[in-house]
């Protein structure tokens, strides 16, 4: 009961402020504010609780895109790998292997559903169709920059992990006969 009384007094204060600032007493507004109070409170709580969860899912997807997505590569040779790995901040220390997926984000997301993906092992999905990819492998030497990479380009099926319908982890790619 004390919470309900606090809510009513809060809403009364809103109505009083309206009356004080405009000089008008508006019974309809007062009734609407009092009637919508609990609904407004639930809505506001929903706004506070929901975004961190969505933001977390979205941040994992964005991280996946940063590490593994390049829509329109300019060249797919060793130089491409060296510049992309550095640009995507994957060279401190030198990452051993990284694969860039080329093409359409929608087709990659579709692997997480049945349109372009099938279950693969535990909690993974494999693409139904091959993707154009470039795999960059560290050429050896020091794990500190400057990093040297060897590129392997081709069309491969990809295996990813998904959360809430979005890709969040690249597992592997391979030729499928």
C-alpha atoms as a PDB file:
ATOM      1  CA  UNK A   1       0.000   0.000   0.000  1.00  0.00           C
ATOM      2  CA  UNK A   2       2.744   2.568   0.780  1.00  0.00           C
ATOM      3  CA  UNK A   3       4.089   2.214  -2.798  1.00  0.00           C
ATOM      4  CA  UNK A   4       0.615   2.877  -4.204  1.00  0.00           C
ATOM      5  CA  UNK A   5       0.214   5.956  -1.990  1.00  0.00           C
ATOM      6  CA  UNK A   6       3.628   7.279  -3.104  1.00  0.00           C
ATOM      7  CA  UNK A   7       2.677   6.759  -6.744  1.00  0.00           C
ATOM      8  CA  UNK A   8      -0.641   8.574  -6.311  1.00  0.00           C
ATOM      9  CA  UNK A   9       1.011  11.493  -4.496  1.00  0.00           C
ATOM     10  CA  UNK A  10       3.631  11.668  -7.277  1.00  0.00           C
ATOM     11  CA  UNK A  11       0.901  11.814  -9.917  1.00  0.00           C
ATOM     12  CA  UNK A  12      -0.997  14.402  -7.863  1.00  0.00           C
ATOM     13  CA  UNK A  13       2.202  16.474  -7.881  1.00  0.00           C
ATOM     14  CA  UNK A  14       2.334  16.284 -11.679  1.00  0.00           C
ATOM     15  CA  UNK A  15      -1.265  17.482 -11.923  1.00  0.00           C
ATOM     16  CA  UNK A  16      -0.516  20.284  -9.411  1.00  0.00           C
ATOM     17  CA  UNK A  17       2.549  21.359 -11.399  1.00  0.00           C
ATOM     18  CA  UNK A  18       0.457  21.480 -14.570  1.00  0.00           C
ATOM     19  CA  UNK A  19      -2.162  23.606 -12.805  1.00  0.00           C
ATOM     20  CA  UNK A  20       0.489  25.905 -11.302  1.00  0.00           C
ATOM     21  CA  UNK A  21       2.355  26.417 -14.589  1.00  0.00           C
ATOM     22  CA  UNK A  22      -0.691  26.952 -16.796  1.00  0.00           C
ATOM     23  CA  UNK A  23      -3.241  28.323 -14.358  1.00  0.00           C
ATOM     24  CA  UNK A  24      -5.717  25.698 -15.558  1.00  0.00           C
ATOM     25  CA  UNK A  25      -7.059  22.715 -13.692  1.00  0.00           C
ATOM     26  CA  UNK A  26      -7.541  19.966 -16.185  1.00  0.00           C
ATOM     27  CA  UNK A  27      -9.615  17.102 -14.748  1.00  0.00           C
ATOM     28  CA  UNK A  28      -9.282  14.998 -17.913  1.00  0.00           C
ATOM     29  CA  UNK A  29      -5.485  15.273 -17.845  1.00  0.00           C
ATOM     30  CA  UNK A  30      -5.515  14.464 -14.147  1.00  0.00           C
ATOM     31  CA  UNK A  31      -7.641  11.353 -14.778  1.00  0.00           C
ATOM     32  CA  UNK A  32      -5.388  10.266 -17.655  1.00  0.00           C
ATOM     33  CA  UNK A  33      -2.207  10.679 -15.607  1.00  0.00           C
ATOM     34  CA  UNK A  34      -3.675   8.786 -12.665  1.00  0.00           C
ATOM     35  CA  UNK A  35      -5.008   6.026 -14.922  1.00  0.00           C
ATOM     36  CA  UNK A  36      -1.795   5.639 -16.930  1.00  0.00           C
ATOM     37  CA  UNK A  37       0.546   5.846 -13.949  1.00  0.00           C
ATOM     38  CA  UNK A  38       1.075   2.102 -13.380  1.00  0.00           C
ATOM     39  CA  UNK A  39       1.277   1.440 -17.122  1.00  0.00           C
ATOM     40  CA  UNK A  40       3.800   4.256 -17.546  1.00  0.00           C
ATOM     41  CA  UNK A  41       5.873   2.865 -14.679  1.00  0.00           C
ATOM     42  CA  UNK A  42       5.968  -0.623 -16.254  1.00  0.00           C
ATOM     43  CA  UNK A  43       6.914   0.885 -19.632  1.00  0.00           C
ATOM     44  CA  UNK A  44       9.758   2.924 -18.103  1.00  0.00           C
ATOM     45  CA  UNK A  45      11.075  -0.119 -16.236  1.00  0.00           C
ATOM     46  CA  UNK A  46      11.022  -2.036 -19.518  1.00  0.00           C
ATOM     47  CA  UNK A  47      13.153   0.628 -21.159  1.00  0.00           C
ATOM     48  CA  UNK A  48      15.694   0.475 -18.369  1.00  0.00           C
ATOM     49  CA  UNK A  49      15.966  -3.325 -18.280  1.00  0.00           C
ATOM     50  CA  UNK A  50      15.839  -4.237 -21.996  1.00  0.00           C
ATOM     51  CA  UNK A  51      18.549  -2.181 -23.749  1.00  0.00           C
ATOM     52  CA  UNK A  52      21.612  -3.647 -21.975  1.00  0.00           C
ATOM     53  CA  UNK A  53      20.599  -7.127 -23.120  1.00  0.00           C
ATOM     54  CA  UNK A  54      20.033  -6.006 -26.702  1.00  0.00           C
ATOM     55  CA  UNK A  55      23.205  -3.935 -26.669  1.00  0.00           C
ATOM     56  CA  UNK A  56      25.206  -6.930 -25.442  1.00  0.00           C
ATOM     57  CA  UNK A  57      23.848  -9.147 -28.245  1.00  0.00           C
ATOM     58  CA  UNK A  58      24.480  -6.387 -30.747  1.00  0.00           C
ATOM     59  CA  UNK A  59      28.044  -5.824 -29.512  1.00  0.00           C
ATOM     60  CA  UNK A  60      28.946  -9.510 -29.980  1.00  0.00           C
ATOM     61  CA  UNK A  61      27.527  -9.376 -33.522  1.00  0.00           C
ATOM     62  CA  UNK A  62      29.459  -6.157 -34.248  1.00  0.00           C
ATOM     63  CA  UNK A  63      32.639  -7.802 -32.926  1.00  0.00           C
ATOM     64  CA  UNK A  64      32.005 -10.762 -35.266  1.00  0.00           C
ATOM     65  CA  UNK A  65      31.604  -8.370 -38.214  1.00  0.00           C
ATOM     66  CA  UNK A  66      34.769  -6.466 -37.283  1.00  0.00           C
ATOM     67  CA  UNK A  67      36.826  -9.651 -37.138  1.00  0.00           C
ATOM     68  CA  UNK A  68      35.341 -11.615 -40.025  1.00  0.00           C
ATOM     69  CA  UNK A  69      33.352  -9.513 -42.501  1.00  0.00           C
ATOM     70  CA  UNK A  70      34.591  -7.568 -45.513  1.00  0.00           C
ATOM     71  CA  UNK A  71      31.847  -7.039 -48.080  1.00  0.00           C
ATOM     72  CA  UNK A  72      33.932  -5.981 -51.080  1.00  0.00           C
ATOM     73  CA  UNK A  73      37.616  -6.852 -50.730  1.00  0.00           C
ATOM     74  CA  UNK A  74      40.163  -4.963 -52.759  1.00  0.00           C
ATOM     75  CA  UNK A  75      42.503  -7.777 -53.704  1.00  0.00           C
ATOM     76  CA  UNK A  76      42.719 -11.025 -51.779  1.00  0.00           C
ATOM     77  CA  UNK A  77      46.453 -11.556 -51.581  1.00  0.00           C
ATOM     78  CA  UNK A  78      49.088 -11.403 -48.825  1.00  0.00           C
ATOM     79  CA  UNK A  79      49.039  -7.594 -48.881  1.00  0.00           C
ATOM     80  CA  UNK A  80      45.253  -7.623 -48.400  1.00  0.00           C
ATOM     81  CA  UNK A  81      45.664  -9.837 -45.330  1.00  0.00           C
ATOM     82  CA  UNK A  82      48.405  -7.707 -43.822  1.00  0.00           C
ATOM     83  CA  UNK A  83      46.445  -4.476 -44.236  1.00  0.00           C
ATOM     84  CA  UNK A  84      43.082  -5.922 -43.104  1.00  0.00           C
ATOM     85  CA  UNK A  85      44.556  -7.632 -40.050  1.00  0.00           C
ATOM     86  CA  UNK A  86      46.197  -4.372 -39.018  1.00  0.00           C
ATOM     87  CA  UNK A  87      43.131  -2.253 -39.822  1.00  0.00           C
ATOM     88  CA  UNK A  88      40.896  -4.590 -37.766  1.00  0.00           C
ATOM     89  CA  UNK A  89      43.394  -4.472 -34.862  1.00  0.00           C
ATOM     90  CA  UNK A  90      44.222  -8.187 -34.976  1.00  0.00           C
ATOM     91  CA  UNK A  91      48.004  -7.720 -34.854  1.00  0.00           C
ATOM     92  CA  UNK A  92      48.871  -7.086 -31.186  1.00  0.00           C
ATOM     93  CA  UNK A  93      49.921  -9.856 -30.869  1.00  0.00           C
ATOM     94  CA  UNK A  94      49.777 -11.255 -34.395  1.00  0.00           C
ATOM     95  CA  UNK A  95      46.653 -13.410 -34.636  1.00  0.00           C
ATOM     96  CA  UNK A  96      47.581 -16.840 -36.003  1.00  0.00           C
ATOM     97  CA  UNK A  97      44.621 -17.307 -38.384  1.00  0.00           C
ATOM     98  CA  UNK A  98      41.620 -15.208 -39.348  1.00  0.00           C
ATOM     99  CA  UNK A  99      39.013 -15.642 -42.068  1.00  0.00           C
ATOM    100  CA  UNK A 100      37.234 -12.771 -43.791  1.00  0.00           C
ATOM    101  CA  UNK A 101      33.816 -13.528 -45.281  1.00  0.00           C
ATOM    102  CA  UNK A 102      32.874 -11.549 -48.380  1.00  0.00           C
ATOM    103  CA  UNK A 103      29.398 -10.802 -49.653  1.00  0.00           C
ATOM    104  CA  UNK A 104      26.102  -9.936 -48.047  1.00  0.00           C
ATOM    105  CA  UNK A 105      25.491  -9.607 -44.273  1.00  0.00           C
ATOM    106  CA  UNK A 106      21.926 -10.871 -44.741  1.00  0.00           C
ATOM    107  CA  UNK A 107      23.196 -14.149 -46.217  1.00  0.00           C
ATOM    108  CA  UNK A 108      25.556 -14.622 -43.281  1.00  0.00           C
ATOM    109  CA  UNK A 109      22.752 -13.892 -40.773  1.00  0.00           C
ATOM    110  CA  UNK A 110      20.555 -16.397 -42.640  1.00  0.00           C
ATOM    111  CA  UNK A 111      22.913 -19.194 -41.555  1.00  0.00           C
ATOM    112  CA  UNK A 112      21.516 -18.690 -38.054  1.00  0.00           C
ATOM    113  CA  UNK A 113      18.082 -19.716 -39.389  1.00  0.00           C
ATOM    114  CA  UNK A 114      16.916 -22.416 -41.758  1.00  0.00           C
ATOM    115  CA  UNK A 115      17.089 -20.273 -44.909  1.00  0.00           C
ATOM    116  CA  UNK A 116      20.855 -20.697 -45.320  1.00  0.00           C
ATOM    117  CA  UNK A 117      21.980 -22.833 -42.394  1.00  0.00           C
ATOM    118  CA  UNK A 118      21.796 -26.266 -40.811  1.00  0.00           C
ATOM    119  CA  UNK A 119      22.753 -27.445 -37.317  1.00  0.00           C
ATOM    120  CA  UNK A 120      26.382 -28.541 -37.073  1.00  0.00           C
ATOM    121  CA  UNK A 121      27.762 -30.243 -33.980  1.00  0.00           C
ATOM    122  CA  UNK A 122      26.742 -28.697 -30.688  1.00  0.00           C
ATOM    123  CA  UNK A 123      25.441 -25.108 -30.864  1.00  0.00           C
ATOM    124  CA  UNK A 124      26.955 -24.382 -34.292  1.00  0.00           C
ATOM    125  CA  UNK A 125      25.449 -23.754 -37.737  1.00  0.00           C
ATOM    126  CA  UNK A 126      26.894 -24.612 -41.152  1.00  0.00           C
ATOM    127  CA  UNK A 127      26.043 -22.654 -44.278  1.00  0.00           C
ATOM    128  CA  UNK A 128      23.982 -24.390 -46.944  1.00  0.00           C
ATOM    129  CA  UNK A 129      25.811 -22.451 -49.640  1.00  0.00           C
ATOM    130  CA  UNK A 130      29.503 -21.608 -49.994  1.00  0.00           C
ATOM    131  CA  UNK A 131      30.791 -18.094 -49.309  1.00  0.00           C
ATOM    132  CA  UNK A 132      33.696 -16.285 -50.892  1.00  0.00           C
ATOM    133  CA  UNK A 133      36.324 -16.109 -48.128  1.00  0.00           C
ATOM    134  CA  UNK A 134      39.934 -15.086 -47.607  1.00  0.00           C
ATOM    135  CA  UNK A 135      41.844 -16.896 -44.873  1.00  0.00           C
ATOM    136  CA  UNK A 136      44.882 -15.086 -43.512  1.00  0.00           C
ATOM    137  CA  UNK A 137      47.554 -17.204 -41.789  1.00  0.00           C
ATOM    138  CA  UNK A 138      50.465 -15.758 -39.854  1.00  0.00           C
ATOM    139  CA  UNK A 139      53.640 -16.544 -41.810  1.00  0.00           C
ATOM    140  CA  UNK A 140      55.628 -17.224 -38.659  1.00  0.00           C
ATOM    141  CA  UNK A 141      58.341 -15.318 -36.921  1.00  0.00           C
ATOM    142  CA  UNK A 142      57.651 -12.956 -34.069  1.00  0.00           C
ATOM    143  CA  UNK A 143      54.143 -12.704 -32.614  1.00  0.00           C
ATOM    144  CA  UNK A 144      54.705  -8.934 -32.408  1.00  0.00           C
ATOM    145  CA  UNK A 145      54.150  -6.483 -35.261  1.00  0.00           C
ATOM    146  CA  UNK A 146      54.957  -6.107 -38.024  1.00  0.00           C
ATOM    147  CA  UNK A 147      52.930  -9.238 -38.797  1.00  0.00           C
ATOM    148  CA  UNK A 148      53.292 -11.070 -42.093  1.00  0.00           C
ATOM    149  CA  UNK A 149      50.370 -13.092 -43.462  1.00  0.00           C
ATOM    150  CA  UNK A 150      49.726 -15.549 -46.281  1.00  0.00           C
ATOM    151  CA  UNK A 151      46.339 -15.350 -48.005  1.00  0.00           C
ATOM    152  CA  UNK A 152      44.230 -18.242 -49.237  1.00  0.00           C
ATOM    153  CA  UNK A 153      41.163 -17.234 -51.232  1.00  0.00           C
ATOM    154  CA  UNK A 154      38.282 -19.485 -52.216  1.00  0.00           C
ATOM    155  CA  UNK A 155      34.645 -20.435 -51.875  1.00  0.00           C
ATOM    156  CA  UNK A 156      33.900 -22.391 -48.722  1.00  0.00           C
ATOM    157  CA  UNK A 157      31.076 -23.433 -46.450  1.00  0.00           C
ATOM    158  CA  UNK A 158      31.373 -21.671 -43.127  1.00  0.00           C
ATOM    159  CA  UNK A 159      30.577 -22.803 -39.590  1.00  0.00           C
ATOM    160  CA  UNK A 160      29.470 -20.176 -37.087  1.00  0.00           C
ATOM    161  CA  UNK A 161      27.892 -19.852 -33.644  1.00  0.00           C
ATOM    162  CA  UNK A 162      24.723 -17.772 -33.325  1.00  0.00           C
ATOM    163  CA  UNK A 163      22.968 -16.015 -30.469  1.00  0.00           C
ATOM    164  CA  UNK A 164      19.483 -14.539 -30.811  1.00  0.00           C
ATOM    165  CA  UNK A 165      19.571 -15.015 -34.571  1.00  0.00           C
ATOM    166  CA  UNK A 166      22.902 -13.233 -35.062  1.00  0.00           C
ATOM    167  CA  UNK A 167      26.346 -14.674 -35.837  1.00  0.00           C
ATOM    168  CA  UNK A 168      28.750 -14.151 -32.937  1.00  0.00           C
ATOM    169  CA  UNK A 169      31.644 -16.585 -33.551  1.00  0.00           C
ATOM    170  CA  UNK A 170      33.421 -17.917 -36.641  1.00  0.00           C
ATOM    171  CA  UNK A 171      34.431 -21.537 -36.126  1.00  0.00           C
ATOM    172  CA  UNK A 172      35.802 -22.827 -39.433  1.00  0.00           C
ATOM    173  CA  UNK A 173      35.411 -22.981 -43.186  1.00  0.00           C
ATOM    174  CA  UNK A 174      35.927 -25.874 -45.551  1.00  0.00           C
ATOM    175  CA  UNK A 175      35.244 -27.245 -49.014  1.00  0.00           C
ATOM    176  CA  UNK A 176      32.202 -29.467 -49.008  1.00  0.00           C
ATOM    177  CA  UNK A 177      31.753 -32.084 -51.708  1.00  0.00           C
END
